[in-house]
Amino acid sequence: MYCVYMLRCRDGSLYTGITNNLRKRVGMHNEGKASRYTRSRMPVVVVYVETCEDKSLALKREWEIKKLKKKQKEDMVSRVSVDPASYML
């Protein structure tokens, strides 16, 4: 199973990605090994998670989210409750 996730970066920006192991991926982001974007904006915390049945659906959903305006993404984040600690290594 894959998931689409959003991270809140140190500068307040949001990063969207997909993975099949969110805990490991967040660890990689916080080690500066996952993305050039988050590397200079660490630490990051998980603020949104959406599960998908397979990689193809996750990629499509990621693309849909990335096309949204920041306000729309912030609205998505505000409607869910995520415990960032549960995704930390």
PDB file of N, CA and C in Angstrom:
ATOM      1  N   MET A   1       0.840  -1.177   0.000  1.00  0.00           N
ATOM      2  CA  MET A   1       0.000   0.000   0.000  1.00  0.00           C
ATOM      3  C   MET A   1       0.890   1.247   0.000  1.00  0.00           C
ATOM      4  N   TYR A   2       0.474   2.247  -0.736  1.00  0.00           N
ATOM      5  CA  TYR A   2       1.198   3.507  -0.826  1.00  0.00           C
ATOM      6  C   TYR A   2       0.409   4.599  -0.126  1.00  0.00           C
ATOM      7  N   CYS A   3       1.083   5.682   0.171  1.00  0.00           N
ATOM      8  CA  CYS A   3       0.379   6.834   0.715  1.00  0.00           C
ATOM      9  C   CYS A   3       0.934   8.111   0.102  1.00  0.00           C
ATOM     10  N   VAL A   4       0.061   9.097   0.054  1.00  0.00           N
ATOM     11  CA  VAL A   4       0.438  10.453  -0.334  1.00  0.00           C
ATOM     12  C   VAL A   4       0.549  11.210   0.978  1.00  0.00           C
ATOM     13  N   TYR A   5       1.590  11.992   1.129  1.00  0.00           N
ATOM     14  CA  TYR A   5       1.793  12.703   2.386  1.00  0.00           C
ATOM     15  C   TYR A   5       2.184  14.149   2.121  1.00  0.00           C
ATOM     16  N   MET A   6       1.901  14.982   3.113  1.00  0.00           N
ATOM     17  CA  MET A   6       2.383  16.364   3.087  1.00  0.00           C
ATOM     18  C   MET A   6       3.195  16.586   4.348  1.00  0.00           C
ATOM     19  N   LEU A   7       4.301  17.268   4.158  1.00  0.00           N
ATOM     20  CA  LEU A   7       5.178  17.620   5.266  1.00  0.00           C
ATOM     21  C   LEU A   7       5.158  19.126   5.456  1.00  0.00           C
ATOM     22  N   ARG A   8       5.226  19.551   6.702  1.00  0.00           N
ATOM     23  CA  ARG A   8       5.405  20.973   7.008  1.00  0.00           C
ATOM     24  C   ARG A   8       6.895  21.168   7.246  1.00  0.00           C
ATOM     25  N   CYS A   9       7.474  22.044   6.459  1.00  0.00           N
ATOM     26  CA  CYS A   9       8.900  22.336   6.578  1.00  0.00           C
ATOM     27  C   CYS A   9       9.134  23.426   7.614  1.00  0.00           C
ATOM     28  N   ARG A  10      10.377  23.582   8.025  1.00  0.00           N
ATOM     29  CA  ARG A  10      10.753  24.572   9.030  1.00  0.00           C
ATOM     30  C   ARG A  10      10.315  25.979   8.639  1.00  0.00           C
ATOM     31  N   ASP A  11      10.327  26.293   7.344  1.00  0.00           N
ATOM     32  CA  ASP A  11       9.949  27.630   6.884  1.00  0.00           C
ATOM     33  C   ASP A  11       8.437  27.798   6.695  1.00  0.00           C
ATOM     34  N   GLY A  12       7.649  26.762   7.055  1.00  0.00           N
ATOM     35  CA  GLY A  12       6.196  26.842   6.951  1.00  0.00           C
ATOM     36  C   GLY A  12       5.644  26.337   5.629  1.00  0.00           C
ATOM     37  N   SER A  13       6.513  26.041   4.681  1.00  0.00           N
ATOM     38  CA  SER A  13       6.046  25.551   3.386  1.00  0.00           C
ATOM     39  C   SER A  13       5.590  24.098   3.506  1.00  0.00           C
ATOM     40  N   LEU A  14       4.861  23.637   2.494  1.00  0.00           N
ATOM     41  CA  LEU A  14       4.378  22.260   2.446  1.00  0.00           C
ATOM     42  C   LEU A  14       5.074  21.512   1.322  1.00  0.00           C
ATOM     43  N   TYR A  15       5.433  20.276   1.587  1.00  0.00           N
ATOM     44  CA  TYR A  15       6.036  19.396   0.598  1.00  0.00           C
ATOM     45  C   TYR A  15       5.121  18.190   0.445  1.00  0.00           C
ATOM     46  N   THR A  16       4.836  17.788  -0.784  1.00  0.00           N
ATOM     47  CA  THR A  16       3.965  16.641  -1.049  1.00  0.00           C
ATOM     48  C   THR A  16       4.765  15.538  -1.735  1.00  0.00           C
ATOM     49  N   GLY A  17       4.558  14.303  -1.286  1.00  0.00           N
ATOM     50  CA  GLY A  17       5.249  13.168  -1.888  1.00  0.00           C
ATOM     51  C   GLY A  17       4.462  11.891  -1.703  1.00  0.00           C
ATOM     52  N   ILE A  18       5.008  10.784  -2.219  1.00  0.00           N
ATOM     53  CA  ILE A  18       4.403   9.464  -2.031  1.00  0.00           C
ATOM     54  C   ILE A  18       5.466   8.499  -1.530  1.00  0.00           C
ATOM     55  N   THR A  19       5.005   7.447  -0.879  1.00  0.00           N
ATOM     56  CA  THR A  19       5.910   6.414  -0.398  1.00  0.00           C
ATOM     57  C   THR A  19       5.120   5.178  -0.018  1.00  0.00           C
ATOM     58  N   ASN A  20       5.817   4.070   0.149  1.00  0.00           N
ATOM     59  CA  ASN A  20       5.183   2.871   0.693  1.00  0.00           C
ATOM     60  C   ASN A  20       5.686   2.585   2.106  1.00  0.00           C
ATOM     61  N   ASN A  21       6.521   3.490   2.641  1.00  0.00           N
ATOM     62  CA  ASN A  21       7.018   3.369   4.014  1.00  0.00           C
ATOM     63  C   ASN A  21       7.226   4.780   4.561  1.00  0.00           C
ATOM     64  N   LEU A  22       6.167   5.350   5.101  1.00  0.00           N
ATOM     65  CA  LEU A  22       6.210   6.755   5.501  1.00  0.00           C
ATOM     66  C   LEU A  22       7.207   7.025   6.624  1.00  0.00           C
ATOM     67  N   ARG A  23       7.273   6.159   7.578  1.00  0.00           N
ATOM     68  CA  ARG A  23       8.206   6.376   8.694  1.00  0.00           C
ATOM     69  C   ARG A  23       9.655   6.474   8.188  1.00  0.00           C
ATOM     70  N   LYS A  24      10.029   5.549   7.322  1.00  0.00           N
ATOM     71  CA  LYS A  24      11.383   5.554   6.762  1.00  0.00           C
ATOM     72  C   LYS A  24      11.610   6.798   5.904  1.00  0.00           C
ATOM     73  N   ARG A  25      10.602   7.166   5.117  1.00  0.00           N
ATOM     74  CA  ARG A  25      10.735   8.316   4.214  1.00  0.00           C
ATOM     75  C   ARG A  25      10.883   9.620   4.993  1.00  0.00           C
ATOM     76  N   VAL A  26      10.124   9.789   6.051  1.00  0.00           N
ATOM     77  CA  VAL A  26      10.247  10.995   6.879  1.00  0.00           C
ATOM     78  C   VAL A  26      11.639  11.057   7.503  1.00  0.00           C
ATOM     79  N   GLY A  27      12.142   9.914   7.938  1.00  0.00           N
ATOM     80  CA  GLY A  27      13.503   9.863   8.468  1.00  0.00           C
ATOM     81  C   GLY A  27      14.521  10.310   7.431  1.00  0.00           C
ATOM     82  N   MET A  28      14.331   9.869   6.195  1.00  0.00           N
ATOM     83  CA  MET A  28      15.238  10.270   5.115  1.00  0.00           C
ATOM     84  C   MET A  28      15.154  11.778   4.861  1.00  0.00           C
ATOM     85  N   HIS A  29      13.934  12.312   4.887  1.00  0.00           N
ATOM     86  CA  HIS A  29      13.773  13.762   4.712  1.00  0.00           C
ATOM     87  C   HIS A  29      14.534  14.511   5.808  1.00  0.00           C
ATOM     88  N   ASN A  30      14.400  14.051   7.033  1.00  0.00           N
ATOM     89  CA  ASN A  30      15.042  14.745   8.153  1.00  0.00           C
ATOM     90  C   ASN A  30      16.548  14.495   8.245  1.00  0.00           C
ATOM     91  N   GLU A  31      17.047  13.554   7.469  1.00  0.00           N
ATOM     92  CA  GLU A  31      18.490  13.345   7.362  1.00  0.00           C
ATOM     93  C   GLU A  31      19.063  14.077   6.155  1.00  0.00           C
ATOM     94  N   GLY A  32      18.188  14.727   5.381  1.00  0.00           N
ATOM     95  CA  GLY A  32      18.629  15.452   4.188  1.00  0.00           C
ATOM     96  C   GLY A  32      18.901  14.559   2.997  1.00  0.00           C
ATOM     97  N   LYS A  33      18.338  13.350   2.987  1.00  0.00           N
ATOM     98  CA  LYS A  33      18.625  12.377   1.934  1.00  0.00           C
ATOM     99  C   LYS A  33      17.454  12.101   1.000  1.00  0.00           C
ATOM    100  N   ALA A  34      16.317  12.768   1.178  1.00  0.00           N
ATOM    101  CA  ALA A  34      15.133  12.393   0.405  1.00  0.00           C
ATOM    102  C   ALA A  34      14.779  13.378  -0.698  1.00  0.00           C
ATOM    103  N   SER A  35      15.051  14.652  -0.498  1.00  0.00           N
ATOM    104  CA  SER A  35      14.597  15.655  -1.452  1.00  0.00           C
ATOM    105  C   SER A  35      15.451  16.905  -1.336  1.00  0.00           C
ATOM    106  N   ARG A  36      15.797  17.471  -2.473  1.00  0.00           N
ATOM    107  CA  ARG A  36      16.545  18.729  -2.443  1.00  0.00           C
ATOM    108  C   ARG A  36      15.735  19.828  -1.768  1.00  0.00           C
ATOM    109  N   TYR A  37      14.412  19.802  -2.019  1.00  0.00           N
ATOM    110  CA  TYR A  37      13.547  20.842  -1.454  1.00  0.00           C
ATOM    111  C   TYR A  37      13.569  20.822   0.070  1.00  0.00           C
ATOM    112  N   THR A  38      13.398  19.651   0.659  1.00  0.00           N
ATOM    113  CA  THR A  38      13.335  19.589   2.126  1.00  0.00           C
ATOM    114  C   THR A  38      14.708  19.653   2.786  1.00  0.00           C
ATOM    115  N   ARG A  39      15.749  19.354   2.035  1.00  0.00           N
ATOM    116  CA  ARG A  39      17.104  19.339   2.602  1.00  0.00           C
ATOM    117  C   ARG A  39      17.463  20.655   3.290  1.00  0.00           C
ATOM    118  N   SER A  40      17.059  21.768   2.679  1.00  0.00           N
ATOM    119  CA  SER A  40      17.396  23.074   3.262  1.00  0.00           C
ATOM    120  C   SER A  40      16.287  23.614   4.160  1.00  0.00           C
ATOM    121  N   ARG A  41      15.260  22.806   4.404  1.00  0.00           N
ATOM    122  CA  ARG A  41      14.116  23.264   5.197  1.00  0.00           C
ATOM    123  C   ARG A  41      13.814  22.319   6.366  1.00  0.00           C
ATOM    124  N   MET A  42      14.817  21.604   6.826  1.00  0.00           N
ATOM    125  CA  MET A  42      14.632  20.656   7.926  1.00  0.00           C
ATOM    126  C   MET A  42      14.574  21.406   9.255  1.00  0.00           C
ATOM    127  N   PRO A  43      13.916  20.825  10.243  1.00  0.00           N
ATOM    128  CA  PRO A  43      13.232  19.542  10.216  1.00  0.00           C
ATOM    129  C   PRO A  43      11.845  19.659   9.577  1.00  0.00           C
ATOM    130  N   VAL A  44      11.309  18.503   9.186  1.00  0.00           N
ATOM    131  CA  VAL A  44       9.970  18.445   8.612  1.00  0.00           C
ATOM    132  C   VAL A  44       9.100  17.566   9.501  1.00  0.00           C
ATOM    133  N   VAL A  45       7.786  17.817   9.490  1.00  0.00           N
ATOM    134  CA  VAL A  45       6.843  16.978  10.236  1.00  0.00           C
ATOM    135  C   VAL A  45       5.674  16.632   9.322  1.00  0.00           C
ATOM    136  N   VAL A  46       5.122  15.455   9.520  1.00  0.00           N
ATOM    137  CA  VAL A  46       3.978  14.991   8.739  1.00  0.00           C
ATOM    138  C   VAL A  46       2.737  15.745   9.201  1.00  0.00           C
ATOM    139  N   VAL A  47       1.998  16.320   8.235  1.00  0.00           N
ATOM    140  CA  VAL A  47       0.770  17.031   8.575  1.00  0.00           C
ATOM    141  C   VAL A  47      -0.448  16.480   7.839  1.00  0.00           C
ATOM    142  N   TYR A  48      -0.219  15.589   6.858  1.00  0.00           N
ATOM    143  CA  TYR A  48      -1.339  15.029   6.095  1.00  0.00           C
ATOM    144  C   TYR A  48      -0.910  13.685   5.513  1.00  0.00           C
ATOM    145  N   VAL A  49      -1.806  12.703   5.597  1.00  0.00           N
ATOM    146  CA  VAL A  49      -1.549  11.382   5.028  1.00  0.00           C
ATOM    147  C   VAL A  49      -2.845  10.864   4.404  1.00  0.00           C
ATOM    148  N   GLU A  50      -2.717  10.315   3.211  1.00  0.00           N
ATOM    149  CA  GLU A  50      -3.853   9.740   2.500  1.00  0.00           C
ATOM    150  C   GLU A  50      -3.378   8.422   1.893  1.00  0.00           C
ATOM    151  N   THR A  51      -4.035   7.320   2.196  1.00  0.00           N
ATOM    152  CA  THR A  51      -3.608   6.030   1.674  1.00  0.00           C
ATOM    153  C   THR A  51      -4.189   5.779   0.280  1.00  0.00           C
ATOM    154  N   CYS A  52      -3.439   5.035  -0.514  1.00  0.00           N
ATOM    155  CA  CYS A  52      -3.843   4.661  -1.875  1.00  0.00           C
ATOM    156  C   CYS A  52      -3.569   3.171  -2.053  1.00  0.00           C
ATOM    157  N   GLU A  53      -4.365   2.532  -2.897  1.00  0.00           N
ATOM    158  CA  GLU A  53      -4.232   1.088  -3.099  1.00  0.00           C
ATOM    159  C   GLU A  53      -2.939   0.691  -3.794  1.00  0.00           C
ATOM    160  N   ASP A  54      -2.456   1.539  -4.699  1.00  0.00           N
ATOM    161  CA  ASP A  54      -1.235   1.187  -5.414  1.00  0.00           C
ATOM    162  C   ASP A  54      -0.460   2.439  -5.802  1.00  0.00           C
ATOM    163  N   LYS A  55       0.722   2.227  -6.357  1.00  0.00           N
ATOM    164  CA  LYS A  55       1.616   3.330  -6.692  1.00  0.00           C
ATOM    165  C   LYS A  55       1.014   4.247  -7.753  1.00  0.00           C
ATOM    166  N   SER A  56       0.365   3.674  -8.725  1.00  0.00           N
ATOM    167  CA  SER A  56      -0.230   4.464  -9.795  1.00  0.00           C
ATOM    168  C   SER A  56      -1.258   5.459  -9.255  1.00  0.00           C
ATOM    169  N   LEU A  57      -2.144   4.985  -8.387  1.00  0.00           N
ATOM    170  CA  LEU A  57      -3.149   5.877  -7.792  1.00  0.00           C
ATOM    171  C   LEU A  57      -2.496   6.933  -6.912  1.00  0.00           C
ATOM    172  N   ALA A  58      -1.453   6.549  -6.204  1.00  0.00           N
ATOM    173  CA  ALA A  58      -0.744   7.508  -5.349  1.00  0.00           C
ATOM    174  C   ALA A  58      -0.095   8.604  -6.187  1.00  0.00           C
ATOM    175  N   LEU A  59       0.516   8.228  -7.307  1.00  0.00           N
ATOM    176  CA  LEU A  59       1.140   9.229  -8.184  1.00  0.00           C
ATOM    177  C   LEU A  59       0.105  10.191  -8.752  1.00  0.00           C
ATOM    178  N   LYS A  60      -1.052   9.668  -9.134  1.00  0.00           N
ATOM    179  CA  LYS A  60      -2.121  10.529  -9.656  1.00  0.00           C
ATOM    180  C   LYS A  60      -2.612  11.494  -8.589  1.00  0.00           C
ATOM    181  N   ARG A  61      -2.795  10.986  -7.384  1.00  0.00           N
ATOM    182  CA  ARG A  61      -3.278  11.839  -6.295  1.00  0.00           C
ATOM    183  C   ARG A  61      -2.227  12.883  -5.915  1.00  0.00           C
ATOM    184  N   GLU A  62      -0.963  12.492  -5.910  1.00  0.00           N
ATOM    185  CA  GLU A  62       0.116  13.439  -5.625  1.00  0.00           C
ATOM    186  C   GLU A  62       0.074  14.596  -6.627  1.00  0.00           C
ATOM    187  N   TRP A  63      -0.089  14.273  -7.887  1.00  0.00           N
ATOM    188  CA  TRP A  63      -0.138  15.288  -8.930  1.00  0.00           C
ATOM    189  C   TRP A  63      -1.328  16.227  -8.719  1.00  0.00           C
ATOM    190  N   GLU A  64      -2.483  15.666  -8.359  1.00  0.00           N
ATOM    191  CA  GLU A  64      -3.668  16.493  -8.092  1.00  0.00           C
ATOM    192  C   GLU A  64      -3.403  17.471  -6.952  1.00  0.00           C
ATOM    193  N   ILE A  65      -2.789  16.969  -5.887  1.00  0.00           N
ATOM    194  CA  ILE A  65      -2.507  17.821  -4.726  1.00  0.00           C
ATOM    195  C   ILE A  65      -1.480  18.889  -5.080  1.00  0.00           C
ATOM    196  N   LYS A  66      -0.454  18.518  -5.816  1.00  0.00           N
ATOM    197  CA  LYS A  66       0.591  19.485  -6.172  1.00  0.00           C
ATOM    198  C   LYS A  66       0.046  20.618  -7.033  1.00  0.00           C
ATOM    199  N   LYS A  67      -1.023  20.384  -7.765  1.00  0.00           N
ATOM    200  CA  LYS A  67      -1.617  21.428  -8.605  1.00  0.00           C
ATOM    201  C   LYS A  67      -2.467  22.417  -7.806  1.00  0.00           C
ATOM    202  N   LEU A  68      -2.809  22.066  -6.566  1.00  0.00           N
ATOM    203  CA  LEU A  68      -3.648  22.941  -5.735  1.00  0.00           C
ATOM    204  C   LEU A  68      -2.874  24.179  -5.295  1.00  0.00           C
ATOM    205  N   LYS A  69      -3.607  25.228  -5.017  1.00  0.00           N
ATOM    206  CA  LYS A  69      -3.009  26.431  -4.443  1.00  0.00           C
ATOM    207  C   LYS A  69      -2.700  26.156  -2.972  1.00  0.00           C
ATOM    208  N   LYS A  70      -1.779  26.936  -2.412  1.00  0.00           N
ATOM    209  CA  LYS A  70      -1.366  26.702  -1.020  1.00  0.00           C
ATOM    210  C   LYS A  70      -2.550  26.772  -0.064  1.00  0.00           C
ATOM    211  N   LYS A  71      -3.467  27.698  -0.277  1.00  0.00           N
ATOM    212  CA  LYS A  71      -4.645  27.836   0.587  1.00  0.00           C
ATOM    213  C   LYS A  71      -5.457  26.540   0.578  1.00  0.00           C
ATOM    214  N   GLN A  72      -5.612  25.930  -0.579  1.00  0.00           N
ATOM    215  CA  GLN A  72      -6.369  24.684  -0.675  1.00  0.00           C
ATOM    216  C   GLN A  72      -5.649  23.556   0.067  1.00  0.00           C
ATOM    217  N   LYS A  73      -4.333  23.519  -0.036  1.00  0.00           N
ATOM    218  CA  LYS A  73      -3.561  22.513   0.699  1.00  0.00           C
ATOM    219  C   LYS A  73      -3.682  22.739   2.197  1.00  0.00           C
ATOM    220  N   GLU A  74      -3.604  23.994   2.619  1.00  0.00           N
ATOM    221  CA  GLU A  74      -3.736  24.311   4.054  1.00  0.00           C
ATOM    222  C   GLU A  74      -5.116  23.898   4.566  1.00  0.00           C
ATOM    223  N   ASP A  75      -6.152  24.065   3.735  1.00  0.00           N
ATOM    224  CA  ASP A  75      -7.495  23.628   4.119  1.00  0.00           C
ATOM    225  C   ASP A  75      -7.541  22.114   4.303  1.00  0.00           C
ATOM    226  N   MET A  76      -6.878  21.377   3.418  1.00  0.00           N
ATOM    227  CA  MET A  76      -6.818  19.921   3.555  1.00  0.00           C
ATOM    228  C   MET A  76      -6.150  19.539   4.871  1.00  0.00           C
ATOM    229  N   VAL A  77      -5.037  20.185   5.159  1.00  0.00           N
ATOM    230  CA  VAL A  77      -4.277  19.897   6.378  1.00  0.00           C
ATOM    231  C   VAL A  77      -5.120  20.205   7.621  1.00  0.00           C
ATOM    232  N   SER A  78      -5.870  21.294   7.573  1.00  0.00           N
ATOM    233  CA  SER A  78      -6.639  21.704   8.749  1.00  0.00           C
ATOM    234  C   SER A  78      -7.819  20.776   9.036  1.00  0.00           C
ATOM    235  N   ARG A  79      -8.241  19.994   8.053  1.00  0.00           N
ATOM    236  CA  ARG A  79      -9.393  19.108   8.242  1.00  0.00           C
ATOM    237  C   ARG A  79      -9.015  17.742   8.797  1.00  0.00           C
ATOM    238  N   VAL A  80      -7.734  17.453   8.924  1.00  0.00           N
ATOM    239  CA  VAL A  80      -7.315  16.139   9.430  1.00  0.00           C
ATOM    240  C   VAL A  80      -6.472  16.304  10.687  1.00  0.00           C
ATOM    241  N   SER A  81      -6.418  15.247  11.447  1.00  0.00           N
ATOM    242  CA  SER A  81      -5.591  15.232  12.649  1.00  0.00           C
ATOM    243  C   SER A  81      -4.543  14.142  12.480  1.00  0.00           C
ATOM    244  N   VAL A  82      -3.298  14.550  12.424  1.00  0.00           N
ATOM    245  CA  VAL A  82      -2.191  13.611  12.243  1.00  0.00           C
ATOM    246  C   VAL A  82      -1.242  13.765  13.422  1.00  0.00           C
ATOM    247  N   ASP A  83      -0.825  12.645  13.990  1.00  0.00           N
ATOM    248  CA  ASP A  83       0.164  12.663  15.064  1.00  0.00           C
ATOM    249  C   ASP A  83       1.543  12.504  14.433  1.00  0.00           C
ATOM    250  N   PRO A  84       2.282  13.607  14.250  1.00  0.00           N
ATOM    251  CA  PRO A  84       3.588  13.527  13.603  1.00  0.00           C
ATOM    252  C   PRO A  84       4.543  12.559  14.285  1.00  0.00           C
ATOM    253  N   ALA A  85       4.418  12.400  15.593  1.00  0.00           N
ATOM    254  CA  ALA A  85       5.335  11.519  16.332  1.00  0.00           C
ATOM    255  C   ALA A  85       5.206  10.069  15.878  1.00  0.00           C
ATOM    256  N   SER A  86       4.051   9.679  15.383  1.00  0.00           N
ATOM    257  CA  SER A  86       3.877   8.299  14.963  1.00  0.00           C
ATOM    258  C   SER A  86       4.600   7.979  13.662  1.00  0.00           C
ATOM    259  N   TYR A  87       5.119   9.003  12.989  1.00  0.00           N
ATOM    260  CA  TYR A  87       5.864   8.805  11.739  1.00  0.00           C
ATOM    261  C   TYR A  87       7.345   9.110  11.868  1.00  0.00           C
ATOM    262  N   MET A  88       7.806   9.304  13.084  1.00  0.00           N
ATOM    263  CA  MET A  88       9.226   9.588  13.316  1.00  0.00           C
ATOM    264  C   MET A  88       9.940   8.287  13.638  1.00  0.00           C
ATOM    265  N   LEU A  89      11.189   8.209  13.218  1.00  0.00           N
ATOM    266  CA  LEU A  89      11.999   7.013  13.529  1.00  0.00           C
ATOM    267  C   LEU A  89      12.491   7.065  14.942  1.00  0.00           C
TER     268      LEU A  89
END
